[in-house]
Amino acid sequence: MTTPPFPPVSDADLAVLREQLGRPARGVLGIAARCVCGNPTVVATSPRLPDGSPFPTFYYLTHPAATAAMSTLEADHVMRELSDELADEEVAAAYLRAHEAYLRDRAAYGEVEEIDGISAGGMPTRVKCLHALAGHALAAGPGVNPIGDRALQLSSWSPERCVCAQPGTAG
């Protein structure tokens, strides 16, 4: 196990996460991405939850406005359009590299046999969950996950603009 790249999670972070999720966050290792106001946007989650369950979604999107925006894209069938982009060899190769990076990031916190080789969001061959892909893109930064980056570009939400104080969002 390596030293966590995340600073310790504060009680305030856990309170915001609870408000965002409507329940206590489980297996929190750190905050992988934050809103410009400082609130959590993506949480890094242990590959094995405290109850022993395997949890493949290392980067978990928590920000209500971001999750709503990804849900809207999914409802609008944008996943089909983004899946079609994988026909481009360069995009497919970058998506495979994103999958491998995701697995390396998670493996730093332990190997879990039940999810060995499984990342999130359908990587490396399909587009299944924009929430997971956007979470990875936000945590890893632009240029790492091409499909997560595209989902963020197509969404109504921006990580550069705080909407935490709006009704129905944490903050």
N, C-alpha and C. Protein backbone atom coordinates (compact mmCIF):
# COMPACT_ATOMS: atom_id res chain seq x y z
N MET A 1 0.86 -1.19 0.00
CA MET A 1 0.00 0.00 0.00
C MET A 1 0.89 1.23 0.00
N THR A 2 0.48 2.22 -0.77
CA THR A 2 1.26 3.46 -0.86
C THR A 2 0.66 4.53 0.03
N THR A 3 1.41 5.59 0.18
CA THR A 3 0.90 6.72 0.95
C THR A 3 -0.23 7.39 0.17
N PRO A 4 -1.36 7.64 0.80
CA PRO A 4 -2.48 8.26 0.08
C PRO A 4 -2.11 9.63 -0.49
N PRO A 5 -2.50 9.86 -1.75
CA PRO A 5 -2.25 11.17 -2.33
C PRO A 5 -3.28 12.20 -1.86
N PHE A 6 -4.25 11.74 -1.10
CA PHE A 6 -5.33 12.62 -0.65
C PHE A 6 -5.05 13.10 0.76
N PRO A 7 -5.29 14.38 1.04
CA PRO A 7 -5.20 14.82 2.43
C PRO A 7 -6.30 14.15 3.26
N PRO A 8 -6.14 14.08 4.57
CA PRO A 8 -7.18 13.47 5.40
C PRO A 8 -8.55 14.12 5.16
N VAL A 9 -9.57 13.29 5.19
CA VAL A 9 -10.93 13.78 5.00
C VAL A 9 -11.38 14.42 6.31
N SER A 10 -11.93 15.63 6.21
CA SER A 10 -12.36 16.35 7.41
C SER A 10 -13.79 15.97 7.78
N ASP A 11 -14.15 16.27 9.00
CA ASP A 11 -15.54 16.07 9.43
C ASP A 11 -16.48 16.91 8.57
N ALA A 12 -16.02 18.11 8.19
CA ALA A 12 -16.85 18.97 7.33
C ALA A 12 -17.07 18.31 5.97
N ASP A 13 -16.02 17.68 5.40
CA ASP A 13 -16.17 16.96 4.14
C ASP A 13 -17.19 15.83 4.28
N LEU A 14 -17.08 15.08 5.36
CA LEU A 14 -18.01 13.97 5.57
C LEU A 14 -19.44 14.46 5.73
N ALA A 15 -19.61 15.62 6.36
CA ALA A 15 -20.95 16.19 6.50
C ALA A 15 -21.51 16.60 5.14
N VAL A 16 -20.68 17.21 4.30
CA VAL A 16 -21.13 17.61 2.96
C VAL A 16 -21.45 16.36 2.14
N LEU A 17 -20.60 15.35 2.23
CA LEU A 17 -20.86 14.11 1.50
C LEU A 17 -22.18 13.48 1.92
N ARG A 18 -22.44 13.50 3.23
CA ARG A 18 -23.70 12.95 3.73
C ARG A 18 -24.89 13.72 3.14
N GLU A 19 -24.77 15.02 3.08
CA GLU A 19 -25.84 15.84 2.50
C GLU A 19 -25.98 15.57 1.00
N GLN A 20 -24.84 15.49 0.31
CA GLN A 20 -24.87 15.24 -1.12
C GLN A 20 -25.51 13.89 -1.46
N LEU A 21 -25.14 12.86 -0.70
CA LEU A 21 -25.58 11.50 -1.00
C LEU A 21 -26.90 11.13 -0.35
N GLY A 22 -27.27 11.86 0.69
CA GLY A 22 -28.48 11.53 1.44
C GLY A 22 -28.27 10.33 2.37
N ARG A 23 -27.01 10.01 2.62
CA ARG A 23 -26.64 8.90 3.50
C ARG A 23 -25.16 9.09 3.84
N PRO A 24 -24.67 8.40 4.85
CA PRO A 24 -23.23 8.49 5.13
C PRO A 24 -22.43 7.89 3.98
N ALA A 25 -21.32 8.53 3.65
CA ALA A 25 -20.42 7.98 2.63
C ALA A 25 -19.70 6.78 3.22
N ARG A 26 -19.46 5.77 2.40
CA ARG A 26 -18.81 4.54 2.87
C ARG A 26 -17.42 4.42 2.25
N GLY A 27 -16.47 3.96 3.04
CA GLY A 27 -15.15 3.64 2.52
C GLY A 27 -14.37 4.82 1.99
N VAL A 28 -14.59 6.00 2.49
CA VAL A 28 -13.94 7.21 1.96
C VAL A 28 -12.44 7.18 2.25
N LEU A 29 -11.65 7.27 1.20
CA LEU A 29 -10.20 7.38 1.32
C LEU A 29 -9.75 8.83 1.23
N GLY A 30 -10.49 9.62 0.47
CA GLY A 30 -10.13 11.02 0.29
C GLY A 30 -11.05 11.69 -0.70
N ILE A 31 -10.86 12.99 -0.82
CA ILE A 31 -11.61 13.77 -1.81
C ILE A 31 -10.71 13.89 -3.04
N ALA A 32 -11.15 13.31 -4.14
CA ALA A 32 -10.33 13.26 -5.35
C ALA A 32 -10.51 14.49 -6.24
N ALA A 33 -11.62 15.19 -6.08
CA ALA A 33 -11.86 16.44 -6.82
C ALA A 33 -12.84 17.28 -6.01
N ARG A 34 -12.66 18.58 -6.12
CA ARG A 34 -13.49 19.52 -5.37
C ARG A 34 -14.08 20.57 -6.29
N CYS A 35 -15.21 21.09 -5.85
CA CYS A 35 -15.84 22.24 -6.50
C CYS A 35 -14.90 23.43 -6.30
N VAL A 36 -15.06 24.45 -7.10
CA VAL A 36 -14.24 25.64 -6.93
C VAL A 36 -14.46 26.28 -5.56
N CYS A 37 -15.58 25.98 -4.90
CA CYS A 37 -15.84 26.51 -3.56
C CYS A 37 -15.20 25.66 -2.47
N GLY A 38 -14.69 24.49 -2.84
CA GLY A 38 -14.04 23.60 -1.88
C GLY A 38 -14.84 22.38 -1.48
N ASN A 39 -16.12 22.33 -1.81
CA ASN A 39 -16.93 21.17 -1.47
C ASN A 39 -16.49 19.95 -2.28
N PRO A 40 -16.67 18.75 -1.74
CA PRO A 40 -16.34 17.55 -2.50
C PRO A 40 -17.17 17.44 -3.78
N THR A 41 -16.51 16.96 -4.82
CA THR A 41 -17.18 16.66 -6.08
C THR A 41 -17.03 15.19 -6.42
N VAL A 42 -15.84 14.65 -6.12
CA VAL A 42 -15.55 13.24 -6.37
C VAL A 42 -14.84 12.70 -5.13
N VAL A 43 -15.31 11.55 -4.65
CA VAL A 43 -14.68 10.91 -3.51
C VAL A 43 -13.92 9.68 -4.01
N ALA A 44 -12.75 9.44 -3.43
CA ALA A 44 -12.02 8.20 -3.67
C ALA A 44 -12.50 7.20 -2.64
N THR A 45 -12.96 6.05 -3.12
CA THR A 45 -13.57 5.04 -2.26
C THR A 45 -12.70 3.78 -2.23
N SER A 46 -12.59 3.21 -1.06
CA SER A 46 -11.81 1.98 -0.89
C SER A 46 -12.33 0.89 -1.81
N PRO A 47 -11.43 0.09 -2.39
CA PRO A 47 -11.88 -1.00 -3.25
C PRO A 47 -12.63 -2.10 -2.51
N ARG A 48 -12.53 -2.11 -1.19
CA ARG A 48 -13.34 -3.01 -0.38
C ARG A 48 -13.96 -2.17 0.72
N LEU A 49 -15.30 -2.15 0.75
CA LEU A 49 -16.02 -1.34 1.73
C LEU A 49 -15.86 -1.94 3.14
N PRO A 50 -16.15 -1.15 4.16
CA PRO A 50 -16.01 -1.64 5.53
C PRO A 50 -16.80 -2.92 5.82
N ASP A 51 -17.90 -3.15 5.11
CA ASP A 51 -18.67 -4.39 5.34
C ASP A 51 -18.11 -5.58 4.57
N GLY A 52 -17.00 -5.37 3.85
CA GLY A 52 -16.35 -6.45 3.11
C GLY A 52 -16.73 -6.53 1.65
N SER A 53 -17.71 -5.75 1.22
CA SER A 53 -18.14 -5.78 -0.18
C SER A 53 -17.08 -5.18 -1.09
N PRO A 54 -16.83 -5.82 -2.24
CA PRO A 54 -15.94 -5.20 -3.23
C PRO A 54 -16.63 -3.99 -3.84
N PHE A 55 -15.85 -2.95 -4.13
CA PHE A 55 -16.43 -1.72 -4.69
C PHE A 55 -15.53 -1.22 -5.82
N PRO A 56 -15.89 -1.50 -7.07
CA PRO A 56 -15.01 -1.13 -8.18
C PRO A 56 -14.93 0.36 -8.48
N THR A 57 -15.93 1.12 -8.07
CA THR A 57 -15.96 2.54 -8.42
C THR A 57 -15.07 3.34 -7.47
N PHE A 58 -13.79 3.38 -7.79
CA PHE A 58 -12.81 4.08 -6.97
C PHE A 58 -13.11 5.58 -6.93
N TYR A 59 -13.40 6.17 -8.08
CA TYR A 59 -13.74 7.59 -8.17
C TYR A 59 -15.26 7.71 -8.27
N TYR A 60 -15.88 8.19 -7.21
CA TYR A 60 -17.34 8.22 -7.09
C TYR A 60 -17.82 9.67 -7.14
N LEU A 61 -18.58 9.99 -8.17
CA LEU A 61 -19.11 11.35 -8.35
C LEU A 61 -20.19 11.61 -7.31
N THR A 62 -20.03 12.67 -6.50
CA THR A 62 -20.98 12.95 -5.42
C THR A 62 -21.71 14.27 -5.57
N HIS A 63 -21.17 15.19 -6.33
CA HIS A 63 -21.76 16.53 -6.43
C HIS A 63 -23.14 16.45 -7.08
N PRO A 64 -24.19 16.89 -6.40
CA PRO A 64 -25.55 16.74 -6.94
C PRO A 64 -25.76 17.34 -8.33
N ALA A 65 -25.22 18.50 -8.59
CA ALA A 65 -25.42 19.10 -9.91
C ALA A 65 -24.67 18.33 -10.99
N ALA A 66 -23.50 17.82 -10.66
CA ALA A 66 -22.73 17.03 -11.61
C ALA A 66 -23.43 15.70 -11.89
N THR A 67 -23.93 15.06 -10.83
CA THR A 67 -24.62 13.78 -11.03
C THR A 67 -25.91 13.99 -11.82
N ALA A 68 -26.61 15.07 -11.56
CA ALA A 68 -27.83 15.37 -12.31
C ALA A 68 -27.51 15.60 -13.79
N ALA A 69 -26.43 16.31 -14.06
CA ALA A 69 -26.04 16.58 -15.45
C ALA A 69 -25.69 15.28 -16.18
N MET A 70 -24.99 14.37 -15.49
CA MET A 70 -24.66 13.08 -16.12
C MET A 70 -25.92 12.25 -16.33
N SER A 71 -26.85 12.30 -15.39
CA SER A 71 -28.12 11.58 -15.55
C SER A 71 -28.89 12.10 -16.75
N THR A 72 -28.87 13.40 -16.94
CA THR A 72 -29.55 14.00 -18.09
C THR A 72 -28.92 13.51 -19.39
N LEU A 73 -27.59 13.50 -19.45
CA LEU A 73 -26.92 13.00 -20.66
C LEU A 73 -27.30 11.54 -20.92
N GLU A 74 -27.31 10.74 -19.86
CA GLU A 74 -27.68 9.33 -20.03
C GLU A 74 -29.12 9.20 -20.53
N ALA A 75 -30.02 10.00 -19.97
CA ALA A 75 -31.43 9.96 -20.40
C ALA A 75 -31.58 10.40 -21.85
N ASP A 76 -30.68 11.29 -22.29
CA ASP A 76 -30.69 11.76 -23.68
C ASP A 76 -29.93 10.83 -24.62
N HIS A 77 -29.52 9.67 -24.12
CA HIS A 77 -28.84 8.64 -24.91
C HIS A 77 -27.50 9.08 -25.48
N VAL A 78 -26.82 9.97 -24.76
CA VAL A 78 -25.51 10.44 -25.20
C VAL A 78 -24.48 9.31 -25.12
N MET A 79 -24.72 8.32 -24.29
CA MET A 79 -23.78 7.20 -24.17
C MET A 79 -23.59 6.50 -25.52
N ARG A 80 -24.64 6.42 -26.31
CA ARG A 80 -24.55 5.80 -27.64
C ARG A 80 -23.59 6.61 -28.52
N GLU A 81 -23.75 7.93 -28.49
CA GLU A 81 -22.87 8.82 -29.27
C GLU A 81 -21.42 8.67 -28.80
N LEU A 82 -21.21 8.63 -27.50
CA LEU A 82 -19.86 8.51 -26.97
C LEU A 82 -19.27 7.13 -27.26
N SER A 83 -20.10 6.11 -27.25
CA SER A 83 -19.64 4.76 -27.62
C SER A 83 -19.15 4.74 -29.06
N ASP A 84 -19.86 5.45 -29.93
CA ASP A 84 -19.46 5.53 -31.34
C ASP A 84 -18.07 6.15 -31.50
N GLU A 85 -17.70 7.04 -30.58
CA GLU A 85 -16.38 7.67 -30.65
C GLU A 85 -15.25 6.66 -30.43
N LEU A 86 -15.57 5.52 -29.81
CA LEU A 86 -14.56 4.49 -29.59
C LEU A 86 -14.15 3.79 -30.88
N ALA A 87 -14.86 4.04 -31.98
CA ALA A 87 -14.46 3.49 -33.28
C ALA A 87 -13.17 4.15 -33.77
N ASP A 88 -12.89 5.34 -33.28
CA ASP A 88 -11.64 6.03 -33.60
C ASP A 88 -10.51 5.36 -32.81
N GLU A 89 -9.50 4.86 -33.51
CA GLU A 89 -8.41 4.11 -32.86
C GLU A 89 -7.70 4.93 -31.79
N GLU A 90 -7.52 6.22 -32.02
CA GLU A 90 -6.83 7.05 -31.03
C GLU A 90 -7.67 7.22 -29.76
N VAL A 91 -8.96 7.41 -29.94
CA VAL A 91 -9.85 7.53 -28.77
C VAL A 91 -9.89 6.21 -28.02
N ALA A 92 -9.99 5.10 -28.75
CA ALA A 92 -10.03 3.79 -28.11
C ALA A 92 -8.74 3.52 -27.35
N ALA A 93 -7.60 3.89 -27.91
CA ALA A 93 -6.32 3.68 -27.23
C ALA A 93 -6.23 4.55 -25.98
N ALA A 94 -6.70 5.78 -26.06
CA ALA A 94 -6.69 6.67 -24.90
C ALA A 94 -7.64 6.15 -23.81
N TYR A 95 -8.75 5.59 -24.22
CA TYR A 95 -9.73 5.03 -23.28
C TYR A 95 -9.14 3.80 -22.57
N LEU A 96 -8.40 2.99 -23.32
CA LEU A 96 -7.72 1.85 -22.71
C LEU A 96 -6.69 2.33 -21.69
N ARG A 97 -5.94 3.37 -22.04
CA ARG A 97 -4.96 3.93 -21.08
C ARG A 97 -5.67 4.48 -19.85
N ALA A 98 -6.85 5.08 -20.02
CA ALA A 98 -7.62 5.58 -18.88
C ALA A 98 -8.02 4.42 -17.97
N HIS A 99 -8.46 3.34 -18.55
CA HIS A 99 -8.82 2.13 -17.80
C HIS A 99 -7.62 1.64 -16.99
N GLU A 100 -6.46 1.56 -17.63
CA GLU A 100 -5.26 1.08 -16.95
C GLU A 100 -4.85 2.03 -15.83
N ALA A 101 -4.97 3.34 -16.05
CA ALA A 101 -4.64 4.32 -15.01
C ALA A 101 -5.60 4.18 -13.83
N TYR A 102 -6.86 3.98 -14.11
CA TYR A 102 -7.87 3.80 -13.07
C TYR A 102 -7.52 2.60 -12.20
N LEU A 103 -7.17 1.49 -12.85
CA LEU A 103 -6.82 0.28 -12.12
C LEU A 103 -5.58 0.49 -11.25
N ARG A 104 -4.60 1.20 -11.79
CA ARG A 104 -3.39 1.49 -10.99
C ARG A 104 -3.72 2.34 -9.78
N ASP A 105 -4.55 3.37 -9.98
CA ASP A 105 -4.94 4.25 -8.88
C ASP A 105 -5.61 3.45 -7.77
N ARG A 106 -6.55 2.61 -8.15
CA ARG A 106 -7.29 1.83 -7.16
C ARG A 106 -6.39 0.78 -6.50
N ALA A 107 -5.52 0.17 -7.26
CA ALA A 107 -4.64 -0.88 -6.73
C ALA A 107 -3.72 -0.36 -5.64
N ALA A 108 -3.45 0.93 -5.65
CA ALA A 108 -2.61 1.52 -4.60
C ALA A 108 -3.25 1.36 -3.22
N TYR A 109 -4.55 1.05 -3.20
CA TYR A 109 -5.29 0.90 -1.94
C TYR A 109 -5.70 -0.53 -1.68
N GLY A 110 -5.16 -1.45 -2.45
CA GLY A 110 -5.42 -2.86 -2.22
C GLY A 110 -5.99 -3.54 -3.44
N GLU A 111 -5.62 -4.80 -3.58
CA GLU A 111 -6.14 -5.64 -4.65
C GLU A 111 -7.36 -6.40 -4.12
N VAL A 112 -8.41 -6.42 -4.90
CA VAL A 112 -9.63 -7.14 -4.53
C VAL A 112 -9.94 -8.10 -5.67
N GLU A 113 -9.79 -9.38 -5.39
CA GLU A 113 -9.91 -10.42 -6.42
C GLU A 113 -11.22 -10.32 -7.20
N GLU A 114 -12.32 -10.06 -6.50
CA GLU A 114 -13.64 -10.05 -7.16
C GLU A 114 -13.76 -8.97 -8.24
N ILE A 115 -12.95 -7.93 -8.16
CA ILE A 115 -13.04 -6.84 -9.15
C ILE A 115 -11.75 -6.67 -9.94
N ASP A 116 -10.89 -7.68 -9.89
CA ASP A 116 -9.63 -7.63 -10.61
C ASP A 116 -9.86 -7.37 -12.10
N GLY A 117 -9.23 -6.35 -12.61
CA GLY A 117 -9.34 -6.01 -14.03
C GLY A 117 -10.57 -5.20 -14.39
N ILE A 118 -11.47 -4.98 -13.44
CA ILE A 118 -12.69 -4.21 -13.69
C ILE A 118 -12.48 -2.79 -13.19
N SER A 119 -12.64 -1.83 -14.06
CA SER A 119 -12.53 -0.43 -13.62
C SER A 119 -13.93 0.09 -13.41
N ALA A 120 -14.38 1.01 -14.23
CA ALA A 120 -15.72 1.59 -14.04
C ALA A 120 -16.19 2.20 -15.35
N GLY A 121 -17.48 2.38 -15.43
CA GLY A 121 -18.05 3.11 -16.55
C GLY A 121 -18.03 2.38 -17.88
N GLY A 122 -17.68 1.08 -17.86
CA GLY A 122 -17.62 0.33 -19.10
C GLY A 122 -16.23 0.27 -19.72
N MET A 123 -15.27 0.98 -19.13
CA MET A 123 -13.92 0.94 -19.68
C MET A 123 -13.41 -0.50 -19.68
N PRO A 124 -12.64 -0.90 -20.63
CA PRO A 124 -12.04 -0.11 -21.70
C PRO A 124 -12.73 -0.22 -23.06
N THR A 125 -13.86 -0.95 -23.14
CA THR A 125 -14.42 -1.23 -24.47
C THR A 125 -15.80 -0.64 -24.74
N ARG A 126 -16.46 -0.12 -23.71
CA ARG A 126 -17.80 0.43 -23.93
C ARG A 126 -18.03 1.59 -22.98
N VAL A 127 -19.13 2.29 -23.21
CA VAL A 127 -19.51 3.41 -22.36
C VAL A 127 -20.78 2.99 -21.64
N LYS A 128 -20.66 2.83 -20.31
CA LYS A 128 -21.78 2.30 -19.54
C LYS A 128 -22.32 3.30 -18.52
N CYS A 129 -21.44 4.05 -17.84
CA CYS A 129 -21.88 4.95 -16.77
C CYS A 129 -21.13 6.27 -16.85
N LEU A 130 -21.82 7.30 -17.27
CA LEU A 130 -21.17 8.60 -17.41
C LEU A 130 -20.78 9.19 -16.06
N HIS A 131 -21.51 8.82 -15.00
CA HIS A 131 -21.16 9.31 -13.66
C HIS A 131 -19.75 8.86 -13.30
N ALA A 132 -19.46 7.59 -13.51
CA ALA A 132 -18.14 7.05 -13.18
C ALA A 132 -17.06 7.64 -14.07
N LEU A 133 -17.36 7.80 -15.34
CA LEU A 133 -16.37 8.33 -16.28
C LEU A 133 -16.08 9.81 -16.01
N ALA A 134 -17.11 10.57 -15.69
CA ALA A 134 -16.91 11.98 -15.34
C ALA A 134 -16.14 12.09 -14.03
N GLY A 135 -16.46 11.23 -13.06
CA GLY A 135 -15.74 11.23 -11.80
C GLY A 135 -14.26 10.98 -12.01
N HIS A 136 -13.94 10.01 -12.87
CA HIS A 136 -12.54 9.72 -13.18
C HIS A 136 -11.88 10.91 -13.86
N ALA A 137 -12.57 11.49 -14.83
CA ALA A 137 -12.01 12.63 -15.55
C ALA A 137 -11.73 13.81 -14.60
N LEU A 138 -12.64 14.06 -13.68
CA LEU A 138 -12.44 15.15 -12.72
C LEU A 138 -11.29 14.86 -11.77
N ALA A 139 -11.18 13.62 -11.32
CA ALA A 139 -10.12 13.25 -10.37
C ALA A 139 -8.75 13.23 -11.04
N ALA A 140 -8.69 12.68 -12.24
CA ALA A 140 -7.41 12.51 -12.94
C ALA A 140 -6.96 13.76 -13.66
N GLY A 141 -7.91 14.63 -14.01
CA GLY A 141 -7.58 15.84 -14.75
C GLY A 141 -7.81 15.66 -16.24
N PRO A 142 -7.92 16.77 -16.96
CA PRO A 142 -8.19 16.71 -18.40
C PRO A 142 -7.12 15.91 -19.15
N GLY A 143 -7.58 15.20 -20.18
CA GLY A 143 -6.66 14.47 -21.05
C GLY A 143 -6.40 13.04 -20.64
N VAL A 144 -6.91 12.60 -19.50
CA VAL A 144 -6.67 11.22 -19.06
C VAL A 144 -7.79 10.30 -19.54
N ASN A 145 -9.04 10.70 -19.36
CA ASN A 145 -10.17 9.87 -19.76
C ASN A 145 -10.95 10.62 -20.85
N PRO A 146 -10.75 10.25 -22.12
CA PRO A 146 -11.36 11.02 -23.20
C PRO A 146 -12.89 11.01 -23.18
N ILE A 147 -13.49 9.90 -22.76
CA ILE A 147 -14.95 9.84 -22.75
C ILE A 147 -15.49 10.62 -21.55
N GLY A 148 -14.83 10.53 -20.41
CA GLY A 148 -15.22 11.35 -19.26
C GLY A 148 -15.08 12.83 -19.56
N ASP A 149 -14.00 13.20 -20.25
CA ASP A 149 -13.82 14.60 -20.65
C ASP A 149 -14.95 15.05 -21.56
N ARG A 150 -15.31 14.21 -22.55
CA ARG A 150 -16.39 14.57 -23.49
C ARG A 150 -17.72 14.71 -22.76
N ALA A 151 -17.99 13.80 -21.82
CA ALA A 151 -19.24 13.89 -21.07
C ALA A 151 -19.29 15.22 -20.31
N LEU A 152 -18.20 15.61 -19.70
CA LEU A 152 -18.18 16.89 -18.99
C LEU A 152 -18.38 18.05 -19.95
N GLN A 153 -17.77 17.99 -21.13
CA GLN A 153 -17.94 19.05 -22.12
C GLN A 153 -19.39 19.16 -22.59
N LEU A 154 -20.05 18.03 -22.73
CA LEU A 154 -21.42 18.01 -23.23
C LEU A 154 -22.46 18.34 -22.15
N SER A 155 -22.06 18.31 -20.90
CA SER A 155 -23.02 18.47 -19.81
C SER A 155 -23.35 19.94 -19.53
N SER A 156 -24.42 20.12 -18.80
CA SER A 156 -24.85 21.46 -18.40
C SER A 156 -24.10 21.95 -17.16
N TRP A 157 -23.33 21.07 -16.53
CA TRP A 157 -22.59 21.41 -15.32
C TRP A 157 -21.13 21.68 -15.66
N SER A 158 -20.51 22.57 -14.92
CA SER A 158 -19.10 22.88 -15.13
C SER A 158 -18.36 22.85 -13.80
N PRO A 159 -17.20 22.21 -13.75
CA PRO A 159 -16.41 22.22 -12.53
C PRO A 159 -15.80 23.59 -12.23
N GLU A 160 -15.94 24.49 -13.15
CA GLU A 160 -15.37 25.84 -12.99
C GLU A 160 -16.36 26.84 -12.42
N ARG A 161 -17.60 26.40 -12.17
CA ARG A 161 -18.64 27.31 -11.68
C ARG A 161 -19.35 26.64 -10.50
N CYS A 162 -19.35 27.28 -9.36
CA CYS A 162 -20.00 26.71 -8.18
C CYS A 162 -21.51 26.90 -8.24
N VAL A 163 -22.22 25.80 -7.98
CA VAL A 163 -23.66 25.84 -7.87
C VAL A 163 -24.10 25.20 -6.54
N CYS A 164 -23.15 25.07 -5.62
CA CYS A 164 -23.43 24.39 -4.35
C CYS A 164 -24.48 25.10 -3.51
N ALA A 165 -24.59 26.40 -3.60
CA ALA A 165 -25.52 27.14 -2.76
C ALA A 165 -26.94 27.14 -3.32
N GLN A 166 -27.13 26.56 -4.53
CA GLN A 166 -28.46 26.53 -5.11
C GLN A 166 -29.32 25.49 -4.40
N PRO A 167 -30.62 25.71 -4.37
CA PRO A 167 -31.51 24.74 -3.71
C PRO A 167 -31.30 23.34 -4.29
N GLY A 168 -31.32 22.35 -3.40
CA GLY A 168 -31.19 20.97 -3.82
C GLY A 168 -29.76 20.50 -3.96
N THR A 169 -28.79 21.36 -3.65
CA THR A 169 -27.39 20.94 -3.70
C THR A 169 -26.75 21.18 -2.35
N ALA A 170 -25.68 20.49 -2.10
CA ALA A 170 -24.98 20.63 -0.81
C ALA A 170 -24.22 21.95 -0.77
N GLY A 171 -24.01 22.41 0.41
CA GLY A 171 -23.19 23.61 0.55
C GLY A 171 -23.88 24.54 1.40
